Amino acid sequence: MLGRDRSTVAHMNIQHEGNLEHWRGYKNLFEYATLIVDSRMSTSSTAEKLSEITNRIFILEQEATRLRKELEEKLKIEIQYNDE
């Protein structure tokens, strides 16, 4: 189904927590994949739909914060470079 053998899947599962912390971009891809899976597997319950939307908002707010910080850092570096 995933196009991977079970040893690869087992290895990735074991490494998952470390990958979340240390593999740049992994967490964002994981959260995006989680959104896709959650949206496909959600039920028709209003409460569950609200919870799903709330989770999506939370993840998107985290991503927006990360991008703002990244942009601020790039602008600081640019300003420092231009001041020299």
Protein backbone atom coordinates (compact mmCIF):
# COMPACT_ATOMS: atom_id res chain seq x y z
CA MET A 1 0.00 0.00 0.00
CA LEU A 2 2.79 2.44 0.90
CA GLY A 3 5.25 1.04 -1.62
CA ARG A 4 7.73 0.22 1.18
CA ASP A 5 8.76 -3.10 2.70
CA ARG A 6 7.94 -3.75 6.34
CA SER A 7 11.54 -3.32 7.55
CA THR A 8 11.64 0.20 6.09
CA VAL A 9 8.32 1.04 7.72
CA ALA A 10 9.52 -0.40 11.05
CA HIS A 11 12.78 1.58 10.83
CA MET A 12 10.95 4.83 10.10
CA ASN A 13 8.55 4.16 12.97
CA ILE A 14 11.45 3.63 15.39
CA GLN A 15 13.20 6.80 14.16
CA HIS A 16 10.03 8.93 14.11
CA GLU A 17 10.52 10.85 17.38
CA GLY A 18 14.15 11.66 16.58
CA ASN A 19 13.22 12.69 13.06
CA LEU A 20 10.61 15.10 14.44
CA GLU A 21 13.32 16.85 16.46
CA HIS A 22 16.33 16.71 14.18
CA TRP A 23 15.34 16.25 10.54
CA ARG A 24 14.67 19.67 9.06
CA GLY A 25 11.30 19.74 7.35
CA TYR A 26 10.24 16.31 8.64
CA LYS A 27 7.86 17.72 11.26
CA ASN A 28 6.13 19.93 8.69
CA LEU A 29 5.72 17.03 6.27
CA PHE A 30 4.45 14.80 9.07
CA GLU A 31 1.90 17.40 10.17
CA TYR A 32 0.77 17.89 6.58
CA ALA A 33 0.40 14.12 6.11
CA THR A 34 -1.51 13.97 9.38
CA LEU A 35 -3.91 16.62 8.11
CA ILE A 36 -4.52 14.63 4.93
CA VAL A 37 -5.09 11.36 6.77
CA ASP A 38 -7.28 12.98 9.40
CA SER A 39 -9.43 14.68 6.78
CA ARG A 40 -9.93 11.40 4.91
CA MET A 41 -10.72 9.38 8.03
CA SER A 42 -12.91 11.84 9.87
CA THR A 43 -16.43 10.90 10.74
CA SER A 44 -19.56 12.95 10.29
CA SER A 45 -19.74 13.94 13.95
CA THR A 46 -19.99 17.70 14.38
CA ALA A 47 -17.80 17.60 17.47
CA GLU A 48 -15.11 15.63 15.64
CA LYS A 49 -15.25 17.99 12.67
CA LEU A 50 -14.84 20.97 15.00
CA SER A 51 -11.91 19.25 16.70
CA GLU A 52 -10.31 18.53 13.31
CA ILE A 53 -10.68 22.16 12.22
CA THR A 54 -9.29 23.38 15.55
CA ASN A 55 -6.27 21.10 15.11
CA ARG A 56 -5.72 22.36 11.58
CA ILE A 57 -5.87 25.96 12.78
CA PHE A 58 -3.36 25.17 15.52
CA ILE A 59 -0.94 23.52 13.08
CA LEU A 60 -1.30 26.38 10.59
CA GLU A 61 -0.73 28.97 13.33
CA GLN A 62 2.44 27.12 14.35
CA GLU A 63 3.61 27.10 10.74
CA ALA A 64 2.84 30.82 10.37
CA THR A 65 4.82 31.57 13.54
CA ARG A 66 7.76 29.50 12.27
CA LEU A 67 7.69 31.27 8.92
CA ARG A 68 7.51 34.70 10.58
CA LYS A 69 10.56 33.88 12.70
CA GLU A 70 12.42 32.59 9.66
CA LEU A 71 11.59 35.76 7.73
CA GLU A 72 12.62 37.96 10.65
CA GLU A 73 15.97 36.16 10.86
CA LYS A 74 16.56 36.59 7.13
CA LEU A 75 15.70 40.29 7.37
CA LYS A 76 18.06 40.74 10.35
CA ILE A 77 20.88 39.11 8.41
CA GLU A 78 20.11 41.26 5.37
CA ILE A 79 20.09 44.45 7.48
CA GLN A 80 23.38 43.49 9.14
CA TYR A 81 24.93 42.76 5.77
CA ASN A 82 23.77 46.09 4.34
CA ASP A 83 25.06 48.00 7.39
CA GLU A 84 28.58 46.64 6.87
